[in-house]
N, C-alpha and C. Protein backbone atom coordinates (compact mmCIF):
# COMPACT_ATOMS: atom_id res chain seq x y z
N MET A 1 94.46 107.59 105.26
CA MET A 1 95.51 107.08 104.41
C MET A 1 95.01 107.10 102.98
N ASN A 2 95.92 107.48 102.11
CA ASN A 2 95.61 107.47 100.69
C ASN A 2 96.92 107.50 99.92
N SER A 3 96.84 107.25 98.64
CA SER A 3 98.04 107.32 97.81
C SER A 3 97.75 108.22 96.62
N PHE A 4 98.81 108.69 96.00
CA PHE A 4 98.66 109.52 94.81
C PHE A 4 99.85 109.29 93.89
N CYS A 5 99.64 109.58 92.63
CA CYS A 5 100.69 109.46 91.62
C CYS A 5 101.55 110.71 91.65
N LYS A 6 102.86 110.50 91.72
CA LYS A 6 103.79 111.62 91.75
C LYS A 6 104.16 112.04 90.33
N PRO A 7 104.73 113.23 90.16
CA PRO A 7 105.15 113.66 88.82
C PRO A 7 106.15 112.68 88.20
N LYS A 8 106.15 112.61 86.91
CA LYS A 8 106.98 111.65 86.17
C LYS A 8 108.47 111.77 86.46
N TYR A 9 108.94 112.95 86.82
CA TYR A 9 110.37 113.14 87.06
C TYR A 9 110.82 112.64 88.44
N GLU A 10 109.90 112.25 89.29
CA GLU A 10 110.25 111.72 90.61
C GLU A 10 110.72 110.27 90.47
N PRO A 11 111.69 109.85 91.30
CA PRO A 11 112.20 108.47 91.19
C PRO A 11 111.18 107.41 91.63
N VAL A 12 110.28 107.76 92.55
CA VAL A 12 109.25 106.83 93.01
C VAL A 12 107.92 107.29 92.41
N GLU A 13 107.20 106.34 91.79
CA GLU A 13 105.99 106.69 91.05
C GLU A 13 104.83 107.12 91.93
N TYR A 14 104.66 106.47 93.10
CA TYR A 14 103.54 106.76 93.98
C TYR A 14 104.03 107.17 95.36
N ALA A 15 103.17 107.88 96.07
CA ALA A 15 103.43 108.22 97.46
C ALA A 15 102.16 107.96 98.25
N SER A 16 102.31 107.75 99.53
CA SER A 16 101.18 107.54 100.43
C SER A 16 101.19 108.65 101.47
N VAL A 17 100.01 109.05 101.89
CA VAL A 17 99.91 110.09 102.91
C VAL A 17 99.09 109.59 104.09
N ILE A 18 99.51 110.03 105.25
CA ILE A 18 98.75 109.79 106.48
C ILE A 18 98.49 111.17 107.06
N VAL A 19 97.22 111.46 107.30
CA VAL A 19 96.80 112.77 107.76
C VAL A 19 96.21 112.67 109.15
N ASP A 20 96.53 113.63 109.99
CA ASP A 20 95.94 113.74 111.32
C ASP A 20 94.71 114.64 111.17
N HIS A 21 93.53 114.04 111.11
CA HIS A 21 92.31 114.82 110.89
C HIS A 21 91.96 115.68 112.10
N LYS A 22 92.26 115.19 113.29
CA LYS A 22 91.94 115.95 114.50
C LYS A 22 92.69 117.28 114.53
N ASN A 23 93.97 117.24 114.20
CA ASN A 23 94.80 118.45 114.22
C ASN A 23 94.93 119.11 112.85
N LYS A 24 94.27 118.52 111.85
CA LYS A 24 94.24 119.06 110.49
C LYS A 24 95.65 119.31 109.93
N CYS A 25 96.46 118.25 109.97
CA CYS A 25 97.82 118.38 109.45
C CYS A 25 98.30 117.06 108.85
N LEU A 26 99.31 117.17 108.03
CA LEU A 26 99.95 115.99 107.44
C LEU A 26 100.77 115.31 108.52
N TYR A 27 100.55 114.02 108.72
CA TYR A 27 101.32 113.27 109.71
C TYR A 27 102.55 112.64 109.08
N GLU A 28 102.37 112.05 107.90
CA GLU A 28 103.49 111.37 107.24
C GLU A 28 103.28 111.33 105.73
N LEU A 29 104.35 111.56 104.99
CA LEU A 29 104.38 111.40 103.54
C LEU A 29 105.38 110.30 103.26
N ILE A 30 104.93 109.22 102.63
CA ILE A 30 105.74 108.02 102.44
C ILE A 30 105.96 107.80 100.95
N ASP A 31 107.22 107.67 100.54
CA ASP A 31 107.50 107.31 99.15
C ASP A 31 107.08 105.87 98.93
N GLY A 32 106.17 105.65 98.00
CA GLY A 32 105.69 104.32 97.69
C GLY A 32 104.36 104.03 98.35
N ARG A 33 103.80 102.88 98.00
CA ARG A 33 102.51 102.48 98.57
C ARG A 33 102.43 100.99 98.82
N ASN A 34 103.55 100.29 98.74
CA ASN A 34 103.50 98.86 98.99
C ASN A 34 103.72 98.56 100.48
N LYS A 35 103.51 97.33 100.85
CA LYS A 35 103.54 96.93 102.26
C LYS A 35 104.87 97.28 102.93
N ARG A 36 105.96 97.00 102.25
CA ARG A 36 107.27 97.26 102.85
C ARG A 36 107.51 98.76 103.06
N ASP A 37 107.13 99.58 102.08
CA ASP A 37 107.27 101.04 102.23
C ASP A 37 106.52 101.53 103.46
N LEU A 38 105.29 101.06 103.61
CA LEU A 38 104.46 101.49 104.73
C LEU A 38 105.01 100.99 106.06
N GLU A 39 105.40 99.72 106.11
CA GLU A 39 105.93 99.15 107.35
C GLU A 39 107.24 99.82 107.76
N ASP A 40 108.11 100.11 106.80
CA ASP A 40 109.36 100.81 107.12
C ASP A 40 109.09 102.18 107.73
N ALA A 41 108.13 102.90 107.17
CA ALA A 41 107.78 104.22 107.69
C ALA A 41 107.17 104.11 109.09
N ALA A 42 106.39 103.07 109.32
CA ALA A 42 105.68 102.91 110.60
C ALA A 42 106.63 102.66 111.77
N LEU A 43 107.84 102.25 111.49
CA LEU A 43 108.80 102.00 112.57
C LEU A 43 109.04 103.24 113.43
N LYS A 44 108.87 104.41 112.86
CA LYS A 44 109.10 105.64 113.63
C LYS A 44 107.81 106.26 114.18
N PHE A 45 106.67 105.67 113.91
CA PHE A 45 105.40 106.19 114.43
C PHE A 45 105.36 105.99 115.94
N LYS A 46 104.81 106.98 116.64
CA LYS A 46 104.62 106.88 118.09
C LYS A 46 103.13 107.01 118.39
N GLY A 47 102.67 106.29 119.39
CA GLY A 47 101.29 106.42 119.84
C GLY A 47 100.27 105.74 118.95
N THR A 48 100.69 104.75 118.17
CA THR A 48 99.73 104.10 117.27
C THR A 48 98.59 103.43 118.02
N GLU A 49 98.84 103.06 119.28
CA GLU A 49 97.79 102.43 120.07
C GLU A 49 96.70 103.42 120.46
N ASN A 50 96.97 104.70 120.33
CA ASN A 50 95.99 105.73 120.68
C ASN A 50 95.12 106.18 119.51
N VAL A 51 95.42 105.70 118.32
CA VAL A 51 94.63 106.07 117.14
C VAL A 51 93.28 105.37 117.23
N LYS A 52 92.21 106.14 117.10
CA LYS A 52 90.86 105.59 117.25
C LYS A 52 90.18 105.27 115.92
N VAL A 53 90.45 106.07 114.89
CA VAL A 53 89.81 105.89 113.59
C VAL A 53 90.85 106.08 112.49
N VAL A 54 90.81 105.19 111.50
CA VAL A 54 91.66 105.33 110.32
C VAL A 54 90.73 105.37 109.11
N THR A 55 90.81 106.45 108.36
CA THR A 55 90.05 106.59 107.12
C THR A 55 90.98 106.24 105.98
N LEU A 56 90.55 105.35 105.10
CA LEU A 56 91.43 104.87 104.04
C LEU A 56 90.64 104.37 102.86
N ASP A 57 91.33 104.31 101.70
CA ASP A 57 90.72 103.54 100.63
C ASP A 57 90.98 102.09 101.02
N LEU A 58 90.10 101.22 100.67
CA LEU A 58 90.18 99.85 101.20
C LEU A 58 91.01 98.92 100.31
N SER A 59 92.13 99.42 99.82
CA SER A 59 93.05 98.53 99.11
C SER A 59 93.52 97.49 100.12
N SER A 60 93.79 96.30 99.66
CA SER A 60 94.20 95.23 100.58
C SER A 60 95.48 95.60 101.31
N THR A 61 96.38 96.32 100.66
CA THR A 61 97.64 96.72 101.30
C THR A 61 97.38 97.70 102.44
N PHE A 62 96.60 98.74 102.18
CA PHE A 62 96.31 99.73 103.22
C PHE A 62 95.52 99.11 104.36
N LYS A 63 94.56 98.27 104.02
CA LYS A 63 93.72 97.65 105.04
C LYS A 63 94.56 96.77 105.97
N SER A 64 95.42 95.95 105.41
CA SER A 64 96.29 95.08 106.20
C SER A 64 97.25 95.91 107.05
N PHE A 65 97.85 96.93 106.45
CA PHE A 65 98.77 97.80 107.17
C PHE A 65 98.07 98.49 108.34
N ALA A 66 96.90 99.05 108.10
CA ALA A 66 96.17 99.76 109.15
C ALA A 66 95.78 98.83 110.29
N LYS A 67 95.32 97.63 109.97
CA LYS A 67 94.94 96.66 111.01
C LYS A 67 96.14 96.29 111.88
N ASN A 68 97.30 96.11 111.26
CA ASN A 68 98.49 95.70 112.00
C ASN A 68 99.17 96.85 112.73
N THR A 69 99.06 98.05 112.22
CA THR A 69 99.77 99.20 112.80
C THR A 69 98.93 99.94 113.82
N PHE A 70 97.66 100.12 113.53
CA PHE A 70 96.76 100.85 114.41
C PHE A 70 95.75 99.86 115.00
N LYS A 71 96.23 99.02 115.88
CA LYS A 71 95.48 97.86 116.38
C LYS A 71 94.16 98.21 117.07
N ASN A 72 94.06 99.37 117.67
CA ASN A 72 92.85 99.76 118.40
C ASN A 72 91.91 100.63 117.58
N ALA A 73 92.26 100.86 116.33
CA ALA A 73 91.48 101.79 115.50
C ALA A 73 90.35 101.10 114.74
N HIS A 74 89.32 101.86 114.51
CA HIS A 74 88.20 101.44 113.67
C HIS A 74 88.53 101.89 112.25
N LEU A 75 88.42 101.00 111.27
CA LEU A 75 88.72 101.34 109.88
C LEU A 75 87.45 101.82 109.17
N VAL A 76 87.57 102.94 108.48
CA VAL A 76 86.43 103.54 107.77
C VAL A 76 86.85 103.82 106.33
N ALA A 77 86.05 103.35 105.38
CA ALA A 77 86.32 103.62 103.96
C ALA A 77 86.03 105.09 103.68
N ASP A 78 86.97 105.77 103.01
CA ASP A 78 86.70 107.17 102.70
C ASP A 78 85.60 107.27 101.65
N LYS A 79 84.90 108.38 101.65
CA LYS A 79 83.71 108.53 100.80
C LYS A 79 84.03 108.64 99.32
N PHE A 80 85.29 108.80 98.96
CA PHE A 80 85.66 108.91 97.55
C PHE A 80 85.96 107.56 96.93
N HIS A 81 85.94 106.52 97.71
CA HIS A 81 86.20 105.18 97.20
C HIS A 81 85.00 104.32 97.48
């Protein structure tokens, strides 16, 4: 999980990404990076109980979201943060 700043012409300033490292593909692109944006997107996630590792920057929002959404996963800080 990570977030990035979108171009100025976009209506939402930030976006969040969730990547499937095992299959090397984008799993979800979420407009925004706040708790509600993430939780709304998570409503359609399937198999969250099967996720073993979540790599993320350790922002309090991402950390809380990951703990609540991927309950069986081990959280790992990405090496860029």
